Every structure is written in structure tokens, then in C-alpha cells.
PDB file of N, CA and C in Angstrom:
ATOM      1  N   MET A   1       0.772  -1.228   0.019  1.00  0.00           N
ATOM      2  CA  MET A   1       0.051   0.131  -0.005  1.00  0.00           C
ATOM      3  C   MET A   1       0.841   1.173  -0.017  1.00  0.00           C
ATOM      4  N   LYS A   2       0.382   2.085  -0.767  1.00  0.00           N
ATOM      5  CA  LYS A   2       1.142   3.492  -0.878  1.00  0.00           C
ATOM      6  C   LYS A   2      -0.011   4.615  -0.871  1.00  0.00           C
ATOM      7  N   SER A   3      -0.113   5.384   0.115  1.00  0.00           N
ATOM      8  CA  SER A   3      -0.999   6.463   0.049  1.00  0.00           C
ATOM      9  C   SER A   3      -2.443   5.957   0.100  1.00  0.00           C
ATOM     10  N   GLY A   4      -2.614   4.735   0.624  1.00  0.00           N
ATOM     11  CA  GLY A   4      -3.845   4.095   0.638  1.00  0.00           C
ATOM     12  C   GLY A   4      -4.344   3.435  -0.316  1.00  0.00           C
ATOM     13  N   LYS A   5      -3.427   3.160  -1.503  1.00  0.00           N
ATOM     14  CA  LYS A   5      -3.699   2.387  -2.643  1.00  0.00           C
ATOM     15  C   LYS A   5      -2.695   1.305  -2.829  1.00  0.00           C
ATOM     16  N   PHE A   6      -3.226   0.222  -3.505  1.00  0.00           N
ATOM     17  CA  PHE A   6      -2.319  -0.862  -3.722  1.00  0.00           C
ATOM     18  C   PHE A   6      -1.035  -0.367  -4.739  1.00  0.00           C
ATOM     19  N   ASP A   7       0.052  -0.750  -4.444  1.00  0.00           N
ATOM     20  CA  ASP A   7       1.232  -0.381  -5.113  1.00  0.00           C
ATOM     21  C   ASP A   7       2.258  -1.436  -4.761  1.00  0.00           C
ATOM     22  N   GLY A   8       2.929  -1.988  -6.089  1.00  0.00           N
ATOM     23  CA  GLY A   8       3.908  -2.887  -5.902  1.00  0.00           C
ATOM     24  C   GLY A   8       3.340  -4.261  -6.147  1.00  0.00           C
ATOM     25  N   GLU A   9       3.985  -5.184  -5.725  1.00  0.00           N
ATOM     26  CA  GLU A   9       3.636  -6.760  -6.192  1.00  0.00           C
ATOM     27  C   GLU A   9       2.651  -7.360  -5.031  1.00  0.00           C
ATOM     28  N   GLY A  10       1.507  -8.065  -5.748  1.00  0.00           N
ATOM     29  CA  GLY A  10       0.712  -8.556  -4.686  1.00  0.00           C
ATOM     30  C   GLY A  10      -0.265  -9.591  -5.244  1.00  0.00           C
ATOM     31  N   GLN A  11      -1.401  -9.844  -4.533  1.00  0.00           N
ATOM     32  CA  GLN A  11      -2.380 -10.800  -5.211  1.00  0.00           C
ATOM     33  C   GLN A  11      -3.723 -10.191  -4.787  1.00  0.00           C
ATOM     34  N   PHE A  12      -4.750 -10.234  -5.458  1.00  0.00           N
ATOM     35  CA  PHE A  12      -6.170  -9.877  -5.207  1.00  0.00           C
ATOM     36  C   PHE A  12      -7.044 -10.917  -5.833  1.00  0.00           C
ATOM     37  N   SER A  13      -7.892 -11.241  -4.696  1.00  0.00           N
ATOM     38  CA  SER A  13      -8.928 -12.385  -5.034  1.00  0.00           C
ATOM     39  C   SER A  13     -10.188 -11.816  -5.068  1.00  0.00           C
ATOM     40  N   PHE A  14     -10.786 -11.932  -6.106  1.00  0.00           N
ATOM     41  CA  PHE A  14     -12.412 -11.441  -6.406  1.00  0.00           C
ATOM     42  C   PHE A  14     -13.372 -12.275  -5.771  1.00  0.00           C
ATOM     43  N   SER A  15     -14.543 -11.745  -5.530  1.00  0.00           N
ATOM     44  CA  SER A  15     -15.576 -12.541  -4.896  1.00  0.00           C
ATOM     45  C   SER A  15     -16.216 -13.527  -5.799  1.00  0.00           C
ATOM     46  N   ASN A  16     -15.956 -13.554  -7.133  1.00  0.00           N
ATOM     47  CA  ASN A  16     -16.332 -14.676  -7.989  1.00  0.00           C
ATOM     48  C   ASN A  16     -15.283 -15.803  -8.011  1.00  0.00           C
ATOM     49  N   GLY A  17     -14.307 -15.612  -7.282  1.00  0.00           N
ATOM     50  CA  GLY A  17     -13.273 -16.756  -7.390  1.00  0.00           C
ATOM     51  C   GLY A  17     -12.110 -16.623  -8.258  1.00  0.00           C
ATOM     52  N   SER A  18     -12.254 -15.687  -8.954  1.00  0.00           N
ATOM     53  CA  SER A  18     -10.986 -15.212  -9.955  1.00  0.00           C
ATOM     54  C   SER A  18      -9.944 -14.532  -9.114  1.00  0.00           C
ATOM     55  N   ASN A  19      -8.623 -14.627  -9.733  1.00  0.00           N
ATOM     56  CA  ASN A  19      -7.541 -14.100  -9.014  1.00  0.00           C
ATOM     57  C   ASN A  19      -6.483 -13.444  -9.833  1.00  0.00           C
ATOM     58  N   TYR A  20      -5.913 -12.293  -9.235  1.00  0.00           N
ATOM     59  CA  TYR A  20      -4.886 -11.598 -10.101  1.00  0.00           C
ATOM     60  C   TYR A  20      -3.526 -11.733  -9.151  1.00  0.00           C
ATOM     61  N   PHE A  21      -2.540 -12.117  -9.682  1.00  0.00           N
ATOM     62  CA  PHE A  21      -1.248 -12.129  -9.122  1.00  0.00           C
ATOM     63  C   PHE A  21      -0.259 -11.351  -9.884  1.00  0.00           C
ATOM     64  N   GLY A  22       0.276 -10.279  -9.350  1.00  0.00           N
ATOM     65  CA  GLY A  22       1.408  -9.476 -10.297  1.00  0.00           C
ATOM     66  C   GLY A  22       1.456  -7.984  -9.346  1.00  0.00           C
ATOM     67  N   ASN A  23       1.776  -7.160 -10.344  1.00  0.00           N
ATOM     68  CA  ASN A  23       2.042  -5.775 -10.014  1.00  0.00           C
ATOM     69  C   ASN A  23       0.828  -4.757  -9.916  1.00  0.00           C
ATOM     70  N   PHE A  24       0.918  -3.878  -9.167  1.00  0.00           N
ATOM     71  CA  PHE A  24      -0.121  -2.942  -8.993  1.00  0.00           C
ATOM     72  C   PHE A  24       0.504  -1.460  -8.937  1.00  0.00           C
ATOM     73  N   LYS A  25      -0.208  -0.475  -9.479  1.00  0.00           N
ATOM     74  CA  LYS A  25       0.299   1.003  -9.479  1.00  0.00           C
ATOM     75  C   LYS A  25      -0.824   1.734  -9.206  1.00  0.00           C
ATOM     76  N   GLU A  26      -0.904   2.517  -8.233  1.00  0.00           N
ATOM     77  CA  GLU A  26      -1.944   3.331  -7.768  1.00  0.00           C
ATOM     78  C   GLU A  26      -3.352   2.697  -7.869  1.00  0.00           C
ATOM     79  N   HIS A  27      -3.488   1.661  -7.346  1.00  0.00           N
ATOM     80  CA  HIS A  27      -4.755   0.871  -7.302  1.00  0.00           C
ATOM     81  C   HIS A  27      -5.251   0.071  -8.493  1.00  0.00           C
ATOM     82  N   MET A  28      -4.378   0.007  -9.602  1.00  0.00           N
ATOM     83  CA  MET A  28      -4.686  -0.631 -10.777  1.00  0.00           C
ATOM     84  C   MET A  28      -3.569  -1.764 -11.052  1.00  0.00           C
ATOM     85  N   ARG A  29      -4.011  -2.819 -11.925  1.00  0.00           N
ATOM     86  CA  ARG A  29      -3.002  -3.780 -12.254  1.00  0.00           C
ATOM     87  C   ARG A  29      -2.173  -3.149 -13.251  1.00  0.00           C
ATOM     88  N   HIS A  30      -0.936  -3.106 -13.015  1.00  0.00           N
ATOM     89  CA  HIS A  30       0.022  -2.477 -14.038  1.00  0.00           C
ATOM     90  C   HIS A  30       1.346  -3.035 -13.857  1.00  0.00           C
ATOM     91  N   GLY A  31       2.081  -3.536 -14.938  1.00  0.00           N
ATOM     92  CA  GLY A  31       3.163  -4.261 -14.878  1.00  0.00           C
ATOM     93  C   GLY A  31       2.875  -5.661 -15.208  1.00  0.00           C
ATOM     94  N   GLU A  32       3.786  -6.495 -14.790  1.00  0.00           N
ATOM     95  CA  GLU A  32       3.719  -7.956 -15.247  1.00  0.00           C
ATOM     96  C   GLU A  32       2.694  -8.636 -14.399  1.00  0.00           C
ATOM     97  N   GLY A  33       1.678  -9.444 -14.779  1.00  0.00           N
ATOM     98  CA  GLY A  33       0.891 -10.059 -13.952  1.00  0.00           C
ATOM     99  C   GLY A  33       0.037 -11.167 -14.598  1.00  0.00           C
ATOM    100  N   MET A  34      -0.705 -11.815 -13.862  1.00  0.00           N
ATOM    101  CA  MET A  34      -1.254 -13.028 -14.446  1.00  0.00           C
ATOM    102  C   MET A  34      -2.832 -13.021 -13.743  1.00  0.00           C
ATOM    103  N   MET A  35      -3.847 -13.051 -14.575  1.00  0.00           N
ATOM    104  CA  MET A  35      -5.059 -13.271 -14.185  1.00  0.00           C
ATOM    105  C   MET A  35      -5.686 -14.692 -14.407  1.00  0.00           C
ATOM    106  N   LEU A  36      -6.252 -15.218 -13.251  1.00  0.00           N
ATOM    107  CA  LEU A  36      -7.067 -16.636 -13.452  1.00  0.00           C
ATOM    108  C   LEU A  36      -8.415 -16.429 -13.282  1.00  0.00           C
ATOM    109  N   ASP A  37      -9.271 -17.191 -13.816  1.00  0.00           N
ATOM    110  CA  ASP A  37     -10.702 -17.301 -13.942  1.00  0.00           C
ATOM    111  C   ASP A  37     -10.990 -18.097 -12.476  1.00  0.00           C
ATOM    112  N   ASP A  38     -12.328 -18.108 -12.341  1.00  0.00           N
ATOM    113  CA  ASP A  38     -12.785 -18.777 -11.068  1.00  0.00           C
ATOM    114  C   ASP A  38     -12.521 -20.253 -10.849  1.00  0.00           C
ATOM    115  N   THR A  39     -12.083 -20.988 -11.889  1.00  0.00           N
ATOM    116  CA  THR A  39     -11.633 -22.320 -11.958  1.00  0.00           C
ATOM    117  C   THR A  39     -10.033 -22.427 -12.066  1.00  0.00           C
ATOM    118  N   GLN A  40      -9.448 -21.358 -11.900  1.00  0.00           N
ATOM    119  CA  GLN A  40      -7.921 -21.221 -11.857  1.00  0.00           C
ATOM    120  C   GLN A  40      -7.324 -21.408 -12.923  1.00  0.00           C
ATOM    121  N   VAL A  41      -8.099 -21.207 -14.211  1.00  0.00           N
ATOM    122  CA  VAL A  41      -7.589 -21.439 -15.488  1.00  0.00           C
ATOM    123  C   VAL A  41      -7.255 -19.917 -15.850  1.00  0.00           C
ATOM    124  N   GLU A  42      -5.906 -19.845 -16.463  1.00  0.00           N
ATOM    125  CA  GLU A  42      -5.111 -18.697 -16.754  1.00  0.00           C
ATOM    126  C   GLU A  42      -5.947 -18.052 -17.942  1.00  0.00           C
ATOM    127  N   ILE A  43      -6.424 -16.697 -17.754  1.00  0.00           N
ATOM    128  CA  ILE A  43      -7.027 -15.902 -18.765  1.00  0.00           C
ATOM    129  C   ILE A  43      -6.043 -15.010 -19.486  1.00  0.00           C
ATOM    130  N   PHE A  44      -5.103 -14.472 -18.783  1.00  0.00           N
ATOM    131  CA  PHE A  44      -3.957 -13.628 -19.295  1.00  0.00           C
ATOM    132  C   PHE A  44      -2.884 -13.694 -18.359  1.00  0.00           C
ATOM    133  N   SER A  45      -1.706 -13.652 -19.116  1.00  0.00           N
ATOM    134  CA  SER A  45      -0.450 -13.353 -18.443  1.00  0.00           C
ATOM    135  C   SER A  45       0.471 -12.617 -19.088  1.00  0.00           C
ATOM    136  N   GLY A  46       1.137 -11.591 -18.654  1.00  0.00           N
ATOM    137  CA  GLY A  46       1.858 -10.753 -19.429  1.00  0.00           C
ATOM    138  C   GLY A  46       1.731  -9.256 -18.820  1.00  0.00           C
ATOM    139  N   GLU A  47       1.967  -8.292 -19.580  1.00  0.00           N
ATOM    140  CA  GLU A  47       2.031  -6.879 -19.308  1.00  0.00           C
ATOM    141  C   GLU A  47       0.627  -6.189 -19.106  1.00  0.00           C
ATOM    142  N   TRP A  48       0.351  -5.755 -18.289  1.00  0.00           N
ATOM    143  CA  TRP A  48      -0.838  -4.800 -17.766  1.00  0.00           C
ATOM    144  C   TRP A  48      -0.613  -3.247 -17.877  1.00  0.00           C
ATOM    145  N   VAL A  49      -1.354  -2.522 -18.499  1.00  0.00           N
ATOM    146  CA  VAL A  49      -1.154  -1.060 -18.581  1.00  0.00           C
ATOM    147  C   VAL A  49      -2.517  -0.367 -18.163  1.00  0.00           C
ATOM    148  N   ASN A  50      -2.334   0.372 -16.990  1.00  0.00           N
ATOM    149  CA  ASN A  50      -3.480   0.839 -16.658  1.00  0.00           C
ATOM    150  C   ASN A  50      -4.740   0.302 -16.308  1.00  0.00           C
ATOM    151  N   ASP A  51      -4.609  -1.134 -15.779  1.00  0.00           N
ATOM    152  CA  ASP A  51      -5.652  -1.930 -15.243  1.00  0.00           C
ATOM    153  C   ASP A  51      -6.152  -2.764 -16.474  1.00  0.00           C
ATOM    154  N   LYS A  52      -5.548  -2.792 -17.750  1.00  0.00           N
ATOM    155  CA  LYS A  52      -5.961  -3.575 -18.727  1.00  0.00           C
ATOM    156  C   LYS A  52      -4.810  -4.473 -19.422  1.00  0.00           C
ATOM    157  N   PRO A  53      -5.175  -5.525 -19.745  1.00  0.00           N
ATOM    158  CA  PRO A  53      -4.056  -6.304 -20.499  1.00  0.00           C
ATOM    159  C   PRO A  53      -3.521  -5.585 -21.701  1.00  0.00           C
ATOM    160  N   SER A  54      -2.247  -5.944 -21.862  1.00  0.00           N
ATOM    161  CA  SER A  54      -1.826  -5.220 -23.226  1.00  0.00           C
ATOM    162  C   SER A  54      -2.107  -5.750 -24.357  1.00  0.00           C
ATOM    163  N   ASN A  55      -2.518  -7.108 -24.266  1.00  0.00           N
ATOM    164  CA  ASN A  55      -3.190  -7.772 -25.461  1.00  0.00           C
ATOM    165  C   ASN A  55      -4.336  -7.414 -25.675  1.00  0.00           C
ATOM    166  N   LYS A  56      -4.762  -6.637 -26.815  1.00  0.00           N
ATOM    167  CA  LYS A  56      -6.178  -6.139 -27.036  1.00  0.00           C
ATOM    168  C   LYS A  56      -7.226  -7.330 -27.263  1.00  0.00           C
ATOM    169  N   ASP A  57      -6.800  -8.483 -27.744  1.00  0.00           N
ATOM    170  CA  ASP A  57      -7.487  -9.655 -27.964  1.00  0.00           C
ATOM    171  C   ASP A  57      -8.152 -10.222 -26.685  1.00  0.00           C
ATOM    172  N   VAL A  58      -7.550  -9.773 -25.710  1.00  0.00           N
ATOM    173  CA  VAL A  58      -8.042 -10.661 -24.476  1.00  0.00           C
ATOM    174  C   VAL A  58      -8.819  -9.592 -23.554  1.00  0.00           C
ATOM    175  N   GLN A  59      -8.841  -8.236 -23.865  1.00  0.00           N
ATOM    176  CA  GLN A  59      -9.195  -7.219 -22.855  1.00  0.00           C
ATOM    177  C   GLN A  59     -10.815  -7.284 -22.614  1.00  0.00           C
ATOM    178  N   ALA A  60     -11.542  -7.667 -23.507  1.00  0.00           N
ATOM    179  CA  ALA A  60     -13.058  -7.933 -23.286  1.00  0.00           C
ATOM    180  C   ALA A  60     -13.255  -9.095 -22.248  1.00  0.00           C
ATOM    181  N   LEU A  61     -12.574 -10.194 -22.582  1.00  0.00           N
ATOM    182  CA  LEU A  61     -12.684 -11.194 -21.487  1.00  0.00           C
ATOM    183  C   LEU A  61     -12.395 -10.889 -20.253  1.00  0.00           C
ATOM    184  N   VAL A  62     -11.145 -10.312 -19.893  1.00  0.00           N
ATOM    185  CA  VAL A  62     -10.784  -9.949 -18.655  1.00  0.00           C
ATOM    186  C   VAL A  62     -11.441  -8.942 -18.117  1.00  0.00           C
ATOM    187  N   MET A  63     -11.978  -7.854 -18.814  1.00  0.00           N
ATOM    188  CA  MET A  63     -12.537  -6.784 -18.156  1.00  0.00           C
ATOM    189  C   MET A  63     -14.004  -7.157 -17.426  1.00  0.00           C
ATOM    190  N   LYS A  64     -14.306  -8.379 -17.740  1.00  0.00           N
ATOM    191  CA  LYS A  64     -15.741  -8.838 -16.930  1.00  0.00           C
ATOM    192  C   LYS A  64     -15.374  -9.177 -15.502  1.00  0.00           C
ATOM    193  N   MET A  65     -15.408  -8.088 -14.629  1.00  0.00           N
ATOM    194  CA  MET A  65     -14.802  -8.065 -13.372  1.00  0.00           C
ATOM    195  C   MET A  65     -16.171  -8.034 -12.404  1.00  0.00           C
ATOM    196  N   PRO A  66     -16.026  -8.701 -11.289  1.00  0.00           N
ATOM    197  CA  PRO A  66     -17.151  -8.732 -10.421  1.00  0.00           C
ATOM    198  C   PRO A  66     -17.331  -7.516  -9.747  1.00  0.00           C
ATOM    199  N   ARG A  67     -18.276  -7.257  -9.000  1.00  0.00           N
ATOM    200  CA  ARG A  67     -18.578  -5.987  -8.302  1.00  0.00           C
ATOM    201  C   ARG A  67     -17.593  -5.560  -7.240  1.00  0.00           C
ATOM    202  N   SER A  68     -16.928  -6.587  -6.613  1.00  0.00           N
ATOM    203  CA  SER A  68     -15.879  -6.274  -5.772  1.00  0.00           C
ATOM    204  C   SER A  68     -14.677  -5.564  -6.428  1.00  0.00           C
ATOM    205  N   TYR A  69     -14.602  -5.773  -7.557  1.00  0.00           N
ATOM    206  CA  TYR A  69     -13.306  -5.144  -8.434  1.00  0.00           C
ATOM    207  C   TYR A  69     -13.839  -3.626  -8.468  1.00  0.00           C
ATOM    208  N   ILE A  70     -15.012  -3.479  -8.655  1.00  0.00           N
ATOM    209  CA  ILE A  70     -15.499  -1.916  -8.970  1.00  0.00           C
ATOM    210  C   ILE A  70     -15.212  -1.260  -7.686  1.00  0.00           C
ATOM    211  N   ILE A  71     -15.418  -1.904  -6.639  1.00  0.00           N
ATOM    212  CA  ILE A  71     -15.377  -1.350  -5.186  1.00  0.00           C
ATOM    213  C   ILE A  71     -13.881  -0.974  -5.010  1.00  0.00           C
ATOM    214  N   LEU A  72     -12.996  -2.154  -5.395  1.00  0.00           N
ATOM    215  CA  LEU A  72     -11.614  -1.868  -5.006  1.00  0.00           C
ATOM    216  C   LEU A  72     -11.045  -0.674  -5.766  1.00  0.00           C
ATOM    217  N   ASN A  73     -11.493  -0.456  -7.008  1.00  0.00           N
ATOM    218  CA  ASN A  73     -10.925   0.714  -7.908  1.00  0.00           C
ATOM    219  C   ASN A  73     -11.524   1.917  -7.610  1.00  0.00           C
ATOM    220  N   ASN A  74     -12.670   2.067  -6.715  1.00  0.00           N
ATOM    221  CA  ASN A  74     -13.388   3.094  -6.335  1.00  0.00           C
ATOM    222  C   ASN A  74     -13.813   3.064  -4.710  1.00  0.00           C
ATOM    223  N   PRO A  75     -12.857   3.551  -3.903  1.00  0.00           N
ATOM    224  CA  PRO A  75     -12.923   3.305  -2.576  1.00  0.00           C
ATOM    225  C   PRO A  75     -14.101   4.206  -1.827  1.00  0.00           C
ATOM    226  N   SER A  76     -14.449   5.115  -2.748  1.00  0.00           N
ATOM    227  CA  SER A  76     -15.687   5.985  -2.169  1.00  0.00           C
ATOM    228  C   SER A  76     -17.089   5.250  -2.138  1.00  0.00           C
ATOM    229  N   ASN A  77     -17.129   4.195  -2.906  1.00  0.00           N
ATOM    230  CA  ASN A  77     -18.281   3.411  -2.980  1.00  0.00           C
ATOM    231  C   ASN A  77     -18.717   2.868  -1.679  1.00  0.00           C
TER     232      ASN A  77
END
């Protein structure tokens, strides 16, 4: 945590059972990281930029995030 936001390397588990392992910057996935779905099957592994995978082909799939992720990114909710 840095200034109340995720910053650095870590893991986040979503309420739907999916997981992200990797780097965060200012509360967003940023840098190297891996996203697993709720069955722990890899959805994307590689570079994340401002909370989105760098590979445009997988962005739509990965961005189907549960409500807990929306709350994570907007602490005022």
C-alpha cells in the first residue's frame, strides 16, 4: 500500500473466485501479472497497462470483473 492504494507486487482475490497475481500501481493492475478465472484457468499472463491487459484480443474477456473489483478501484463506494 502506498497512500492508501495498492502499489507494488501482490495478489487480489475477487468475490467470484478469480485471482490476479502481479504488480499494482495506484490501485490498478500495472506491469507484469497473471489473471486466473474462477476455476483457476489462466485468462491472461503478461503486461498490464492502467488496469488492462496489453493484448487487445483478451481485454473484453478479462474486463468482466465482479462488483468487488469495482469497489476496489473506487474506494468512495
